[in-house]
């Protein structure tokens, strides 16, 4: 607990000597925060930040799982049905056509996810540390994009994060976050 003349870091709880400057840096966790931001307003960023981190981890894990399943099980229902009807030539032709398709599917799904979910993860971490207001807003918007398996989780989490970030009291928790993004 911080004594009089001391401030408390909103992330790690470390007591910091009040030197009268507006932007304070915690020596333990290197978090920067505005001395005028109310602690309760600053704490409101923890929930959406954690939600963005979880969304990003689910998206990365889900798309890795999707990629592995695409490589392991490249057969389609049409291939199995054609093979069952005694049409081996059609099944072989379909199999040859589908041989290169998993790579195309992985590129179509994997490339956007390769950039989007790590950016959402970075934004969630920055939000918890009260840094880079613009990155946090961009990561919240990226979490809402329907490009991966975590889009059903990302939409409400992104809306929650944006609603929290656009609150003027919370915005003051970011050092240097004036009226501009």
Protein backbone atom coordinates (compact mmCIF):
# COMPACT_ATOMS: atom_id res chain seq x y z
CA UNK A 1 0.00 0.00 0.00
CA UNK A 2 1.33 3.43 -0.95
CA UNK A 3 1.99 5.90 1.88
CA UNK A 4 1.26 9.61 1.68
CA UNK A 5 3.57 11.25 -0.84
CA UNK A 6 3.69 8.00 -2.80
CA UNK A 7 1.68 6.69 -5.73
CA UNK A 8 0.85 3.11 -6.54
CA UNK A 9 1.52 1.50 -9.92
CA UNK A 10 -1.82 0.42 -11.43
CA UNK A 11 -0.28 -2.72 -12.93
CA UNK A 12 2.06 -4.24 -10.33
CA UNK A 13 1.04 -2.27 -7.20
CA UNK A 14 4.58 -1.05 -6.54
CA UNK A 15 4.85 2.09 -4.38
CA UNK A 16 6.39 4.98 -6.33
CA UNK A 17 7.69 8.22 -4.84
CA UNK A 18 5.63 11.18 -6.03
CA UNK A 19 8.03 13.57 -7.76
CA UNK A 20 5.31 15.88 -9.09
CA UNK A 21 5.67 14.92 -12.78
CA UNK A 22 2.61 14.16 -14.90
CA UNK A 23 3.86 10.93 -16.50
CA UNK A 24 5.13 8.40 -13.99
CA UNK A 25 7.25 5.34 -14.81
CA UNK A 26 7.18 2.36 -12.47
CA UNK A 27 10.75 1.17 -11.83
CA UNK A 28 9.62 -2.43 -11.29
CA UNK A 29 7.43 -3.14 -14.35
CA UNK A 30 8.34 -0.12 -16.54
CA UNK A 31 4.67 0.88 -16.86
CA UNK A 32 3.98 4.50 -17.76
CA UNK A 33 0.83 6.11 -16.42
CA UNK A 34 -0.66 9.53 -15.94
CA UNK A 35 -0.70 10.71 -12.33
CA UNK A 36 -4.05 12.46 -12.86
CA UNK A 37 -5.87 9.35 -14.07
CA UNK A 38 -8.10 7.91 -11.41
CA UNK A 39 -6.98 4.41 -10.39
CA UNK A 40 -10.46 3.01 -10.95
CA UNK A 41 -10.54 4.41 -14.50
CA UNK A 42 -7.10 2.99 -15.19
CA UNK A 43 -8.12 -0.42 -13.82
CA UNK A 44 -11.01 -0.57 -16.30
CA UNK A 45 -8.46 -1.37 -19.02
CA UNK A 46 -7.48 -4.70 -17.46
CA UNK A 47 -10.62 -6.63 -18.44
CA UNK A 48 -10.69 -5.66 -22.13
CA UNK A 49 -6.91 -6.09 -22.35
CA UNK A 50 -7.14 -9.64 -21.02
CA UNK A 51 -10.10 -10.31 -23.33
CA UNK A 52 -8.04 -9.21 -26.36
CA UNK A 53 -5.14 -11.42 -25.27
CA UNK A 54 -7.47 -14.42 -24.89
CA UNK A 55 -9.10 -13.67 -28.26
CA UNK A 56 -5.70 -13.56 -29.96
CA UNK A 57 -4.56 -16.80 -28.34
CA UNK A 58 -7.80 -18.55 -29.33
CA UNK A 59 -7.46 -17.23 -32.88
CA UNK A 60 -3.86 -18.35 -33.25
CA UNK A 61 -4.56 -21.77 -31.71
CA UNK A 62 -7.75 -22.29 -33.71
CA UNK A 63 -6.16 -21.42 -37.00
CA UNK A 64 -3.14 -23.62 -36.31
CA UNK A 65 -5.57 -26.44 -35.58
CA UNK A 66 -7.47 -25.65 -38.80
CA UNK A 67 -4.24 -25.69 -40.78
CA UNK A 68 -3.16 -29.02 -39.35
CA UNK A 69 -6.55 -30.58 -40.02
CA UNK A 70 -6.49 -29.31 -43.60
CA UNK A 71 -3.13 -30.97 -44.17
CA UNK A 72 -4.03 -34.21 -42.43
CA UNK A 73 -7.53 -34.72 -43.87
CA UNK A 74 -7.46 -33.45 -47.48
CA UNK A 75 -10.29 -35.74 -48.69
CA UNK A 76 -13.68 -34.26 -49.38
CA UNK A 77 -17.10 -35.87 -49.17
CA UNK A 78 -17.25 -35.89 -52.99
CA UNK A 79 -14.07 -37.96 -53.16
CA UNK A 80 -15.39 -40.50 -50.68
CA UNK A 81 -18.79 -40.65 -52.42
CA UNK A 82 -17.23 -41.07 -55.87
CA UNK A 83 -14.99 -43.85 -54.59
CA UNK A 84 -18.01 -45.59 -53.05
CA UNK A 85 -19.97 -45.52 -56.31
CA UNK A 86 -17.31 -47.44 -58.17
CA UNK A 87 -15.93 -44.51 -60.11
CA UNK A 88 -12.21 -44.78 -59.35
CA UNK A 89 -11.24 -42.54 -62.26
CA UNK A 90 -13.41 -39.67 -60.99
CA UNK A 91 -12.12 -40.16 -57.47
CA UNK A 92 -8.52 -40.12 -58.68
CA UNK A 93 -9.11 -36.98 -60.75
CA UNK A 94 -10.74 -35.25 -57.78
CA UNK A 95 -7.87 -36.31 -55.54
CA UNK A 96 -5.33 -34.89 -57.99
CA UNK A 97 -7.27 -31.63 -58.17
CA UNK A 98 -7.49 -31.35 -54.38
CA UNK A 99 -3.84 -32.20 -53.82
CA UNK A 100 -2.72 -28.55 -54.11
CA UNK A 101 -5.87 -27.09 -52.55
CA UNK A 102 -4.86 -27.34 -48.86
CA UNK A 103 -1.99 -24.96 -49.54
CA UNK A 104 -4.36 -22.48 -51.16
CA UNK A 105 -6.79 -22.77 -48.23
CA UNK A 106 -3.97 -22.23 -45.76
CA UNK A 107 -2.82 -19.14 -47.63
CA UNK A 108 -6.33 -17.71 -47.87
CA UNK A 109 -7.01 -18.15 -44.16
CA UNK A 110 -3.50 -18.16 -42.73
CA UNK A 111 -2.01 -14.99 -44.18
CA UNK A 112 -4.57 -12.57 -42.71
CA UNK A 113 -4.53 -14.44 -39.41
CA UNK A 114 -0.73 -14.43 -39.39
CA UNK A 115 -0.83 -10.63 -39.12
CA UNK A 116 -4.13 -9.91 -37.38
CA UNK A 117 -4.04 -12.05 -34.24
CA UNK A 118 -0.45 -11.18 -33.25
CA UNK A 119 -1.44 -7.50 -33.61
CA UNK A 120 -4.48 -8.12 -31.37
CA UNK A 121 -2.22 -9.87 -28.85
CA UNK A 122 0.21 -6.93 -28.87
CA UNK A 123 -2.68 -4.48 -28.45
CA UNK A 124 -4.02 -6.42 -25.47
CA UNK A 125 -0.60 -6.36 -23.81
CA UNK A 126 -0.23 -2.64 -24.51
CA UNK A 127 -3.71 -1.98 -23.12
CA UNK A 128 -2.85 -3.70 -19.84
CA UNK A 129 0.32 -1.60 -19.60
CA UNK A 130 -1.49 1.65 -20.53
CA UNK A 131 0.72 2.34 -23.55
CA UNK A 132 0.16 3.14 -27.24
CA UNK A 133 -3.43 4.31 -27.31
CA UNK A 134 -3.57 4.15 -31.11
CA UNK A 135 -2.28 0.57 -31.18
CA UNK A 136 -4.93 -0.43 -28.62
CA UNK A 137 -7.71 1.09 -30.74
CA UNK A 138 -6.38 -0.57 -33.91
CA UNK A 139 -6.06 -3.94 -32.16
CA UNK A 140 -9.62 -3.67 -30.87
CA UNK A 141 -10.88 -3.05 -34.40
CA UNK A 142 -8.79 -5.95 -35.77
CA UNK A 143 -10.25 -8.28 -33.13
CA UNK A 144 -13.71 -7.63 -34.57
CA UNK A 145 -12.80 -8.67 -38.13
CA UNK A 146 -14.41 -11.95 -39.22
CA UNK A 147 -11.23 -13.54 -40.56
CA UNK A 148 -10.60 -16.44 -38.24
CA UNK A 149 -12.14 -18.92 -35.90
CA UNK A 150 -12.08 -16.51 -32.96
CA UNK A 151 -14.27 -13.89 -34.64
CA UNK A 152 -17.26 -14.90 -32.50
CA UNK A 153 -15.24 -14.08 -29.38
CA UNK A 154 -13.43 -11.16 -30.99
CA UNK A 155 -16.54 -9.17 -31.88
CA UNK A 156 -17.86 -8.66 -28.32
CA UNK A 157 -14.34 -8.29 -26.91
CA UNK A 158 -13.44 -5.68 -29.54
CA UNK A 159 -16.64 -3.73 -28.91
CA UNK A 160 -16.00 -3.83 -25.16
CA UNK A 161 -12.40 -2.67 -25.64
CA UNK A 162 -13.41 0.18 -27.96
CA UNK A 163 -16.17 1.30 -25.61
CA UNK A 164 -13.70 1.36 -22.75
CA UNK A 165 -10.95 3.08 -24.76
CA UNK A 166 -13.22 5.89 -25.95
CA UNK A 167 -14.20 6.82 -22.38
CA UNK A 168 -12.44 10.16 -21.62
CA UNK A 169 -11.54 9.09 -18.08
CA UNK A 170 -9.89 5.92 -19.30
CA UNK A 171 -8.17 7.75 -22.13
CA UNK A 172 -6.39 9.90 -19.55
CA UNK A 173 -4.66 6.76 -18.25
CA UNK A 174 -2.56 6.71 -21.43
CA UNK A 175 0.30 9.19 -21.31
CA UNK A 176 0.17 11.54 -24.27
CA UNK A 177 -3.26 10.35 -25.48
CA UNK A 178 -4.75 13.70 -26.31
CA UNK A 179 -7.67 14.24 -28.67
CA UNK A 180 -5.92 12.58 -31.63
CA UNK A 181 -5.55 8.91 -32.38
